[in-house]
Amino acid sequence: MAKKLGAILFHLPPSFTVNEFKNIEQFLDKLPTSEGFDYAVEFRHPSWETEGPWEMLRHYNIAAVMTDSPAQENLQFLSDVIVTANHSLIMFHGRNTKGHYWYNYLYSEQELEPWVKKVYQIRKQTKILRIHFNNHHGGKAVINAMQFKEMIGVSLSTEERRALERAQKYIG
């Protein structure tokens, strides 16, 4: 099952601060390692911007999730290249600042461009790189995922091109 499953993501709530360091360390210490699963942790509070969490994740070979999210969330440090495992995960949450739907967002090519360089940096340091665009019923994640795939030099398959065209028609 581990070969078919991507990374198991632990998406921590914004209220989970670095004061919980020992709790997260105890949790990570109990994760099964013999099954070959990849794990990733997404910190969502600015108090985690310190070297301690990255060292802990390196110790357990767990990916620190890098994110792109709205600026007012004070999580810009998660946009830095942080490689803590032999696999990495980038989450594009969107930048919508209206309401709670960050992910109802269509990135421009200019907004994605800085991440292209980061992807090349990460690829040099890790075996597996997973990139996720938060989905929304509006189909914007499909468009951005296909757009970004081409930006990093990966050709779209016929099926992917059709999915892109359908998504573009859907959002108008």
N, C-alpha and C. Protein backbone atom coordinates (compact mmCIF):
# COMPACT_ATOMS: atom_id res chain seq x y z
N MET A 1 0.80 -1.19 0.00
CA MET A 1 0.00 0.00 0.00
C MET A 1 0.86 1.27 0.00
N ALA A 2 1.99 1.26 0.67
CA ALA A 2 2.84 2.44 0.76
C ALA A 2 3.30 2.92 -0.61
N LYS A 3 3.48 1.98 -1.56
CA LYS A 3 3.93 2.37 -2.90
C LYS A 3 2.86 3.12 -3.67
N LYS A 4 1.59 2.81 -3.40
CA LYS A 4 0.49 3.48 -4.09
C LYS A 4 0.08 4.78 -3.40
N LEU A 5 0.32 4.85 -2.12
CA LEU A 5 -0.06 6.02 -1.34
C LEU A 5 1.06 7.04 -1.40
N GLY A 6 0.71 8.31 -1.58
CA GLY A 6 1.72 9.36 -1.51
C GLY A 6 2.10 9.56 -0.06
N ALA A 7 2.53 10.72 0.27
CA ALA A 7 2.89 11.01 1.67
C ALA A 7 1.63 11.12 2.52
N ILE A 8 1.73 10.65 3.74
CA ILE A 8 0.66 10.85 4.72
C ILE A 8 0.91 12.21 5.34
N LEU A 9 -0.06 13.10 5.17
CA LEU A 9 0.09 14.49 5.59
C LEU A 9 -0.54 14.74 6.95
N PHE A 10 0.23 15.35 7.83
CA PHE A 10 -0.27 15.81 9.12
C PHE A 10 -0.39 17.33 9.02
N HIS A 11 -1.59 17.79 8.80
CA HIS A 11 -1.91 19.19 8.58
C HIS A 11 -2.32 19.78 9.93
N LEU A 12 -1.37 20.42 10.60
CA LEU A 12 -1.61 20.90 11.96
C LEU A 12 -2.49 22.15 11.94
N PRO A 13 -3.35 22.32 12.93
CA PRO A 13 -4.20 23.50 12.98
C PRO A 13 -3.39 24.75 13.32
N PRO A 14 -3.87 25.93 12.92
CA PRO A 14 -3.16 27.17 13.23
C PRO A 14 -2.96 27.41 14.73
N SER A 15 -3.78 26.80 15.55
CA SER A 15 -3.66 26.97 17.00
C SER A 15 -2.54 26.11 17.61
N PHE A 16 -1.98 25.20 16.84
CA PHE A 16 -0.94 24.28 17.31
C PHE A 16 0.41 24.98 17.20
N THR A 17 0.93 25.45 18.34
CA THR A 17 2.15 26.26 18.34
C THR A 17 3.38 25.44 18.70
N VAL A 18 4.52 26.10 18.63
CA VAL A 18 5.79 25.44 18.96
C VAL A 18 5.81 25.00 20.43
N ASN A 19 4.92 25.53 21.25
CA ASN A 19 4.81 25.07 22.64
C ASN A 19 4.43 23.59 22.71
N GLU A 20 3.91 23.05 21.62
CA GLU A 20 3.52 21.64 21.53
C GLU A 20 4.64 20.76 20.97
N PHE A 21 5.85 21.30 20.92
CA PHE A 21 6.98 20.60 20.32
C PHE A 21 7.13 19.18 20.86
N LYS A 22 7.13 19.03 22.16
CA LYS A 22 7.31 17.69 22.77
C LYS A 22 6.19 16.74 22.35
N ASN A 23 4.96 17.25 22.28
CA ASN A 23 3.83 16.40 21.87
C ASN A 23 3.99 15.90 20.44
N ILE A 24 4.39 16.79 19.55
CA ILE A 24 4.56 16.37 18.15
C ILE A 24 5.73 15.41 18.04
N GLU A 25 6.79 15.65 18.81
CA GLU A 25 7.94 14.74 18.78
C GLU A 25 7.56 13.35 19.28
N GLN A 26 6.77 13.28 20.34
CA GLN A 26 6.32 11.98 20.84
C GLN A 26 5.44 11.27 19.82
N PHE A 27 4.59 12.03 19.15
CA PHE A 27 3.73 11.47 18.11
C PHE A 27 4.57 10.91 16.96
N LEU A 28 5.50 11.70 16.47
CA LEU A 28 6.34 11.27 15.34
C LEU A 28 7.17 10.05 15.71
N ASP A 29 7.59 9.98 16.95
CA ASP A 29 8.39 8.85 17.41
C ASP A 29 7.62 7.53 17.35
N LYS A 30 6.31 7.60 17.40
CA LYS A 30 5.48 6.39 17.41
C LYS A 30 5.00 5.98 16.02
N LEU A 31 5.31 6.76 15.00
CA LEU A 31 4.86 6.42 13.65
C LEU A 31 5.54 5.15 13.16
N PRO A 32 4.80 4.27 12.49
CA PRO A 32 5.42 3.06 11.94
C PRO A 32 6.38 3.42 10.81
N THR A 33 7.54 2.83 10.83
CA THR A 33 8.53 3.12 9.80
C THR A 33 8.81 1.91 8.91
N SER A 34 8.46 0.74 9.35
CA SER A 34 8.80 -0.47 8.59
C SER A 34 7.94 -0.67 7.35
N GLU A 35 6.79 0.01 7.26
CA GLU A 35 5.90 -0.18 6.12
C GLU A 35 6.30 0.64 4.90
N GLY A 36 7.25 1.54 5.05
CA GLY A 36 7.74 2.32 3.92
C GLY A 36 6.91 3.56 3.60
N PHE A 37 6.09 4.01 4.53
CA PHE A 37 5.29 5.21 4.29
C PHE A 37 6.15 6.46 4.35
N ASP A 38 5.80 7.44 3.53
CA ASP A 38 6.38 8.77 3.62
C ASP A 38 5.41 9.63 4.43
N TYR A 39 5.97 10.47 5.29
CA TYR A 39 5.16 11.36 6.11
C TYR A 39 5.57 12.81 5.85
N ALA A 40 4.61 13.71 6.03
CA ALA A 40 4.86 15.14 5.88
C ALA A 40 4.07 15.89 6.95
N VAL A 41 4.66 16.96 7.47
CA VAL A 41 4.01 17.78 8.48
C VAL A 41 3.89 19.20 7.95
N GLU A 42 2.68 19.74 8.06
CA GLU A 42 2.46 21.13 7.68
C GLU A 42 2.19 21.95 8.93
N PHE A 43 3.16 22.78 9.28
CA PHE A 43 3.01 23.69 10.40
C PHE A 43 2.22 24.91 9.91
N ARG A 44 1.30 25.40 10.73
CA ARG A 44 0.47 26.51 10.29
C ARG A 44 0.44 27.65 11.30
N HIS A 45 1.47 27.71 12.13
CA HIS A 45 1.58 28.82 13.09
C HIS A 45 3.00 29.38 12.98
N PRO A 46 3.15 30.71 12.97
CA PRO A 46 4.49 31.30 12.78
C PRO A 46 5.49 30.97 13.88
N SER A 47 5.05 30.48 15.03
CA SER A 47 5.99 30.15 16.11
C SER A 47 6.90 28.98 15.74
N TRP A 48 6.56 28.22 14.71
CA TRP A 48 7.38 27.08 14.29
C TRP A 48 8.60 27.52 13.48
N GLU A 49 8.72 28.82 13.22
CA GLU A 49 9.85 29.32 12.43
C GLU A 49 11.11 29.36 13.29
N THR A 50 11.65 28.18 13.51
CA THR A 50 12.87 28.01 14.31
C THR A 50 13.53 26.71 13.86
N GLU A 51 14.78 26.53 14.11
CA GLU A 51 15.51 25.36 13.61
C GLU A 51 15.10 24.05 14.28
N GLY A 52 14.62 24.09 15.50
CA GLY A 52 14.26 22.87 16.23
C GLY A 52 13.32 21.94 15.48
N PRO A 53 12.20 22.44 14.95
CA PRO A 53 11.29 21.56 14.22
C PRO A 53 11.94 20.92 12.99
N TRP A 54 12.77 21.68 12.28
CA TRP A 54 13.40 21.13 11.06
C TRP A 54 14.37 20.01 11.44
N GLU A 55 15.12 20.20 12.51
CA GLU A 55 16.04 19.15 12.97
C GLU A 55 15.27 17.89 13.36
N MET A 56 14.15 18.08 14.05
CA MET A 56 13.32 16.94 14.46
C MET A 56 12.81 16.19 13.22
N LEU A 57 12.32 16.92 12.23
CA LEU A 57 11.81 16.26 11.02
C LEU A 57 12.92 15.54 10.27
N ARG A 58 14.10 16.13 10.22
CA ARG A 58 15.25 15.46 9.58
C ARG A 58 15.56 14.14 10.29
N HIS A 59 15.52 14.17 11.61
CA HIS A 59 15.80 12.97 12.41
C HIS A 59 14.87 11.82 12.01
N TYR A 60 13.61 12.13 11.77
CA TYR A 60 12.61 11.10 11.44
C TYR A 60 12.39 10.92 9.93
N ASN A 61 13.14 11.65 9.10
CA ASN A 61 12.96 11.62 7.65
C ASN A 61 11.51 11.96 7.27
N ILE A 62 11.01 13.02 7.85
CA ILE A 62 9.65 13.50 7.59
C ILE A 62 9.75 14.85 6.90
N ALA A 63 8.98 15.02 5.83
CA ALA A 63 9.03 16.24 5.05
C ALA A 63 8.35 17.40 5.77
N ALA A 64 9.01 18.54 5.75
CA ALA A 64 8.38 19.79 6.17
C ALA A 64 7.65 20.32 4.95
N VAL A 65 6.36 20.53 5.06
CA VAL A 65 5.58 20.99 3.91
C VAL A 65 5.89 22.46 3.65
N MET A 66 6.25 22.74 2.40
CA MET A 66 6.44 24.11 1.96
C MET A 66 5.11 24.57 1.38
N THR A 67 4.73 25.82 1.65
CA THR A 67 3.42 26.28 1.21
C THR A 67 3.47 27.64 0.54
N ASP A 68 2.45 27.87 -0.27
CA ASP A 68 2.15 29.19 -0.78
C ASP A 68 0.74 29.48 -0.29
N SER A 69 0.60 30.52 0.52
CA SER A 69 -0.69 30.85 1.11
C SER A 69 -0.79 32.37 1.28
N PRO A 70 -1.98 32.87 1.65
CA PRO A 70 -2.15 34.32 1.78
C PRO A 70 -1.13 34.97 2.71
N ALA A 71 -0.65 36.14 2.32
CA ALA A 71 0.40 36.83 3.07
C ALA A 71 0.00 37.17 4.49
N GLN A 72 -1.26 37.49 4.73
CA GLN A 72 -1.65 37.92 6.07
C GLN A 72 -1.60 36.80 7.09
N GLU A 73 -1.36 35.57 6.67
CA GLU A 73 -1.28 34.45 7.60
C GLU A 73 0.09 34.36 8.29
N ASN A 74 1.04 35.22 7.92
CA ASN A 74 2.38 35.24 8.53
C ASN A 74 3.09 33.89 8.43
N LEU A 75 2.90 33.22 7.32
CA LEU A 75 3.54 31.92 7.12
C LEU A 75 4.54 31.96 5.97
N GLN A 76 5.06 33.14 5.65
CA GLN A 76 5.98 33.27 4.53
C GLN A 76 7.21 32.38 4.69
N PHE A 77 7.61 32.10 5.93
CA PHE A 77 8.79 31.24 6.13
C PHE A 77 8.57 29.85 5.53
N LEU A 78 7.31 29.44 5.37
CA LEU A 78 7.03 28.13 4.77
C LEU A 78 7.17 28.15 3.26
N SER A 79 7.40 29.34 2.68
CA SER A 79 7.67 29.44 1.25
C SER A 79 9.15 29.27 0.94
N ASP A 80 9.98 29.21 1.98
CA ASP A 80 11.41 28.96 1.79
C ASP A 80 11.62 27.49 1.44
N VAL A 81 12.74 27.21 0.79
CA VAL A 81 13.09 25.82 0.50
C VAL A 81 13.57 25.19 1.80
N ILE A 82 12.79 24.22 2.27
CA ILE A 82 13.10 23.51 3.51
C ILE A 82 13.04 22.01 3.21
N VAL A 83 14.19 21.37 3.07
CA VAL A 83 14.22 19.94 2.78
C VAL A 83 14.66 19.21 4.04
N THR A 84 13.78 18.37 4.56
CA THR A 84 14.07 17.66 5.81
C THR A 84 14.01 16.15 5.64
N ALA A 85 13.75 15.69 4.42
CA ALA A 85 13.59 14.24 4.20
C ALA A 85 14.02 13.90 2.78
N ASN A 86 13.95 12.61 2.46
CA ASN A 86 14.28 12.19 1.09
C ASN A 86 13.10 12.38 0.15
N HIS A 87 12.06 13.02 0.63
CA HIS A 87 10.89 13.36 -0.17
C HIS A 87 10.41 14.73 0.29
N SER A 88 9.73 15.46 -0.58
CA SER A 88 9.24 16.79 -0.23
C SER A 88 7.83 16.98 -0.74
N LEU A 89 7.15 17.96 -0.16
CA LEU A 89 5.78 18.29 -0.54
C LEU A 89 5.61 19.80 -0.54
N ILE A 90 5.07 20.30 -1.65
CA ILE A 90 4.71 21.71 -1.76
C ILE A 90 3.19 21.78 -1.88
N MET A 91 2.58 22.63 -1.05
CA MET A 91 1.13 22.83 -1.10
C MET A 91 0.86 24.26 -1.57
N PHE A 92 0.12 24.38 -2.65
CA PHE A 92 -0.34 25.69 -3.11
C PHE A 92 -1.76 25.87 -2.59
N HIS A 93 -1.89 26.67 -1.54
CA HIS A 93 -3.20 26.87 -0.91
C HIS A 93 -4.01 27.96 -1.58
N GLY A 94 -3.39 28.77 -2.42
CA GLY A 94 -4.08 29.92 -3.00
C GLY A 94 -3.79 31.16 -2.17
N ARG A 95 -4.18 32.30 -2.71
CA ARG A 95 -3.90 33.55 -2.02
C ARG A 95 -5.15 34.39 -1.80
N ASN A 96 -6.28 33.74 -1.89
CA ASN A 96 -7.54 34.45 -1.69
C ASN A 96 -7.61 34.96 -0.25
N THR A 97 -7.77 36.25 -0.09
CA THR A 97 -7.84 36.83 1.25
C THR A 97 -9.27 37.15 1.67
N LYS A 98 -10.22 36.84 0.80
CA LYS A 98 -11.63 37.12 1.12
C LYS A 98 -12.27 35.85 1.65
N GLY A 99 -12.73 35.89 2.88
CA GLY A 99 -13.38 34.72 3.45
C GLY A 99 -12.37 33.66 3.86
N HIS A 100 -12.86 32.44 3.97
CA HIS A 100 -12.02 31.33 4.43
C HIS A 100 -11.57 30.43 3.29
N TYR A 101 -11.80 30.83 2.06
CA TYR A 101 -11.50 29.96 0.93
C TYR A 101 -10.23 30.40 0.22
N TRP A 102 -9.10 30.22 0.90
CA TRP A 102 -7.81 30.53 0.29
C TRP A 102 -7.70 29.86 -1.07
N TYR A 103 -8.16 28.63 -1.14
CA TYR A 103 -7.95 27.76 -2.30
C TYR A 103 -8.87 28.07 -3.46
N ASN A 104 -9.81 28.99 -3.32
CA ASN A 104 -10.62 29.44 -4.46
C ASN A 104 -9.83 30.55 -5.15
N TYR A 105 -8.78 30.14 -5.82
CA TYR A 105 -7.82 31.11 -6.34
C TYR A 105 -7.16 30.56 -7.60
N LEU A 106 -7.02 31.44 -8.59
CA LEU A 106 -6.32 31.09 -9.82
C LEU A 106 -5.00 31.85 -9.83
N TYR A 107 -3.89 31.12 -9.68
CA TYR A 107 -2.57 31.74 -9.70
C TYR A 107 -2.26 32.26 -11.10
N SER A 108 -1.56 33.39 -11.14
CA SER A 108 -1.03 33.87 -12.42
C SER A 108 0.32 33.19 -12.65
N GLU A 109 0.77 33.23 -13.88
CA GLU A 109 2.08 32.65 -14.19
C GLU A 109 3.18 33.38 -13.42
N GLN A 110 3.02 34.68 -13.25
CA GLN A 110 4.01 35.47 -12.51
C GLN A 110 4.08 35.04 -11.04
N GLU A 111 2.95 34.66 -10.47
CA GLU A 111 2.94 34.21 -9.07
C GLU A 111 3.59 32.84 -8.93
N LEU A 112 3.47 32.02 -9.95
CA LEU A 112 4.05 30.67 -9.90
C LEU A 112 5.54 30.66 -10.26
N GLU A 113 5.97 31.63 -11.03
CA GLU A 113 7.34 31.65 -11.54
C GLU A 113 8.42 31.47 -10.46
N PRO A 114 8.36 32.15 -9.31
CA PRO A 114 9.41 31.96 -8.29
C PRO A 114 9.51 30.51 -7.80
N TRP A 115 8.41 29.78 -7.88
CA TRP A 115 8.42 28.39 -7.42
C TRP A 115 9.14 27.46 -8.39
N VAL A 116 9.26 27.86 -9.64
CA VAL A 116 9.96 27.01 -10.62
C VAL A 116 11.41 26.82 -10.18
N LYS A 117 12.06 27.90 -9.82
CA LYS A 117 13.45 27.83 -9.35
C LYS A 117 13.55 26.98 -8.08
N LYS A 118 12.58 27.15 -7.19
CA LYS A 118 12.58 26.37 -5.95
C LYS A 118 12.42 24.87 -6.23
N VAL A 119 11.59 24.54 -7.20
CA VAL A 119 11.40 23.13 -7.57
C VAL A 119 12.72 22.53 -8.02
N TYR A 120 13.48 23.25 -8.82
CA TYR A 120 14.77 22.73 -9.28
C TYR A 120 15.73 22.56 -8.10
N GLN A 121 15.71 23.49 -7.15
CA GLN A 121 16.56 23.36 -5.95
C GLN A 121 16.17 22.12 -5.14
N ILE A 122 14.88 21.93 -4.95
CA ILE A 122 14.38 20.81 -4.15
C ILE A 122 14.71 19.49 -4.83
N ARG A 123 14.52 19.43 -6.15
CA ARG A 123 14.80 18.19 -6.89
C ARG A 123 16.24 17.72 -6.71
N LYS A 124 17.16 18.65 -6.53
CA LYS A 124 18.57 18.30 -6.34
C LYS A 124 18.82 17.68 -4.97
N GLN A 125 17.91 17.92 -4.02
CA GLN A 125 18.12 17.49 -2.64
C GLN A 125 17.24 16.33 -2.19
N THR A 126 16.35 15.88 -3.05
CA THR A 126 15.38 14.87 -2.62
C THR A 126 15.07 13.89 -3.74
N LYS A 127 14.60 12.71 -3.37
CA LYS A 127 14.25 11.69 -4.37
C LYS A 127 12.88 11.94 -4.99
N ILE A 128 11.92 12.32 -4.15
CA ILE A 128 10.53 12.47 -4.59
C ILE A 128 10.05 13.87 -4.22
N LEU A 129 9.43 14.54 -5.18
CA LEU A 129 8.80 15.83 -4.91
C LEU A 129 7.34 15.75 -5.32
N ARG A 130 6.47 15.98 -4.37
CA ARG A 130 5.03 16.00 -4.64
C ARG A 130 4.58 17.46 -4.59
N ILE A 131 3.74 17.84 -5.54
CA ILE A 131 3.22 19.21 -5.60
C ILE A 131 1.71 19.11 -5.63
N HIS A 132 1.06 19.84 -4.73
CA HIS A 132 -0.39 19.76 -4.59
C HIS A 132 -1.00 21.16 -4.67
N PHE A 133 -1.98 21.31 -5.54
CA PHE A 133 -2.77 22.54 -5.59
C PHE A 133 -4.10 22.25 -4.92
N ASN A 134 -4.44 23.03 -3.89
CA ASN A 134 -5.70 22.80 -3.18
C ASN A 134 -6.87 22.87 -4.15
N ASN A 135 -7.71 21.88 -4.07
CA ASN A 135 -8.82 21.78 -5.00
C ASN A 135 -10.00 22.62 -4.52
N HIS A 136 -10.79 23.03 -5.48
CA HIS A 136 -12.00 23.79 -5.23
C HIS A 136 -12.96 23.42 -6.34
N HIS A 137 -14.24 23.46 -6.05
CA HIS A 137 -15.22 23.05 -7.06
C HIS A 137 -15.15 23.92 -8.32
N GLY A 138 -14.47 25.07 -8.25
CA GLY A 138 -14.34 25.94 -9.41
C GLY A 138 -13.33 25.45 -10.44
N GLY A 139 -12.54 24.44 -10.14
CA GLY A 139 -11.61 23.87 -11.11
C GLY A 139 -10.30 24.61 -11.29
N LYS A 140 -10.05 25.61 -10.48
CA LYS A 140 -8.83 26.42 -10.65
C LYS A 140 -7.56 25.62 -10.36
N ALA A 141 -7.63 24.69 -9.43
CA ALA A 141 -6.45 23.88 -9.10
C ALA A 141 -6.00 23.06 -10.30
N VAL A 142 -6.95 22.56 -11.07
CA VAL A 142 -6.61 21.77 -12.26
C VAL A 142 -5.83 22.63 -13.24
N ILE A 143 -6.32 23.84 -13.47
CA ILE A 143 -5.65 24.76 -14.41
C ILE A 143 -4.25 25.06 -13.92
N ASN A 144 -4.12 25.45 -12.65
CA ASN A 144 -2.80 25.79 -12.13
C ASN A 144 -1.86 24.60 -12.10
N ALA A 145 -2.34 23.42 -11.78
CA ALA A 145 -1.48 22.24 -11.74
C ALA A 145 -0.91 21.94 -13.13
N MET A 146 -1.76 22.00 -14.14
CA MET A 146 -1.30 21.74 -15.51
C MET A 146 -0.36 22.85 -15.98
N GLN A 147 -0.71 24.08 -15.67
CA GLN A 147 0.13 25.22 -16.04
C GLN A 147 1.52 25.08 -15.40
N PHE A 148 1.55 24.74 -14.12
CA PHE A 148 2.82 24.63 -13.41
C PHE A 148 3.63 23.44 -13.91
N LYS A 149 2.94 22.37 -14.23
CA LYS A 149 3.63 21.19 -14.76
C LYS A 149 4.42 21.57 -16.01
N GLU A 150 3.80 22.34 -16.89
CA GLU A 150 4.51 22.78 -18.10
C GLU A 150 5.63 23.76 -17.76
N MET A 151 5.41 24.61 -16.76
CA MET A 151 6.43 25.59 -16.38
C MET A 151 7.70 24.92 -15.87
N ILE A 152 7.56 23.72 -15.26
CA ILE A 152 8.76 23.03 -14.77
C ILE A 152 9.30 22.04 -15.80
N GLY A 153 8.78 22.13 -17.02
CA GLY A 153 9.35 21.36 -18.11
C GLY A 153 8.78 19.97 -18.32
N VAL A 154 7.59 19.70 -17.80
CA VAL A 154 6.97 18.39 -17.98
C VAL A 154 5.81 18.54 -18.97
N SER A 155 5.84 17.75 -20.03
CA SER A 155 4.79 17.82 -21.04
C SER A 155 3.48 17.24 -20.52
N LEU A 156 2.39 17.81 -20.98
CA LEU A 156 1.06 17.30 -20.62
C LEU A 156 0.68 16.15 -21.54
N SER A 157 0.06 15.15 -20.97
CA SER A 157 -0.48 14.05 -21.77
C SER A 157 -1.74 14.53 -22.49
N THR A 158 -2.22 13.75 -23.42
CA THR A 158 -3.45 14.09 -24.13
C THR A 158 -4.61 14.23 -23.14
N GLU A 159 -4.70 13.31 -22.19
CA GLU A 159 -5.78 13.37 -21.19
C GLU A 159 -5.66 14.62 -20.32
N GLU A 160 -4.45 14.97 -19.94
CA GLU A 160 -4.25 16.16 -19.12
C GLU A 160 -4.61 17.42 -19.90
N ARG A 161 -4.25 17.45 -21.17
CA ARG A 161 -4.59 18.61 -22.01
C ARG A 161 -6.11 18.76 -22.11
N ARG A 162 -6.81 17.63 -22.27
CA ARG A 162 -8.29 17.67 -22.32
C ARG A 162 -8.86 18.16 -20.99
N ALA A 163 -8.31 17.68 -19.89
CA ALA A 163 -8.78 18.12 -18.57
C ALA A 163 -8.55 19.62 -18.39
N LEU A 164 -7.42 20.11 -18.86
CA LEU A 164 -7.11 21.53 -18.78
C LEU A 164 -8.12 22.34 -19.59
N GLU A 165 -8.40 21.90 -20.81
CA GLU A 165 -9.36 22.61 -21.66
C GLU A 165 -10.75 22.63 -21.03
N ARG A 166 -11.17 21.50 -20.45
CA ARG A 166 -12.49 21.45 -19.79
C ARG A 166 -12.53 22.39 -18.58
N ALA A 167 -11.46 22.41 -17.81
CA ALA A 167 -11.42 23.28 -16.63
C ALA A 167 -11.43 24.75 -17.05
N GLN A 168 -10.71 25.08 -18.11
CA GLN A 168 -10.69 26.47 -18.58
C GLN A 168 -12.07 26.90 -19.06
N LYS A 169 -12.78 26.01 -19.75
CA LYS A 169 -14.15 26.32 -20.19
C LYS A 169 -15.07 26.49 -18.98
N TYR A 170 -14.87 25.64 -17.99
CA TYR A 170 -15.73 25.65 -16.81
C TYR A 170 -15.65 26.98 -16.05
N ILE A 171 -14.44 27.50 -15.89
CA ILE A 171 -14.31 28.75 -15.12
C ILE A 171 -14.51 29.98 -16.00
N GLY A 172 -14.61 29.77 -17.32
CA GLY A 172 -14.92 30.88 -18.23
C GLY A 172 -13.71 31.62 -18.60
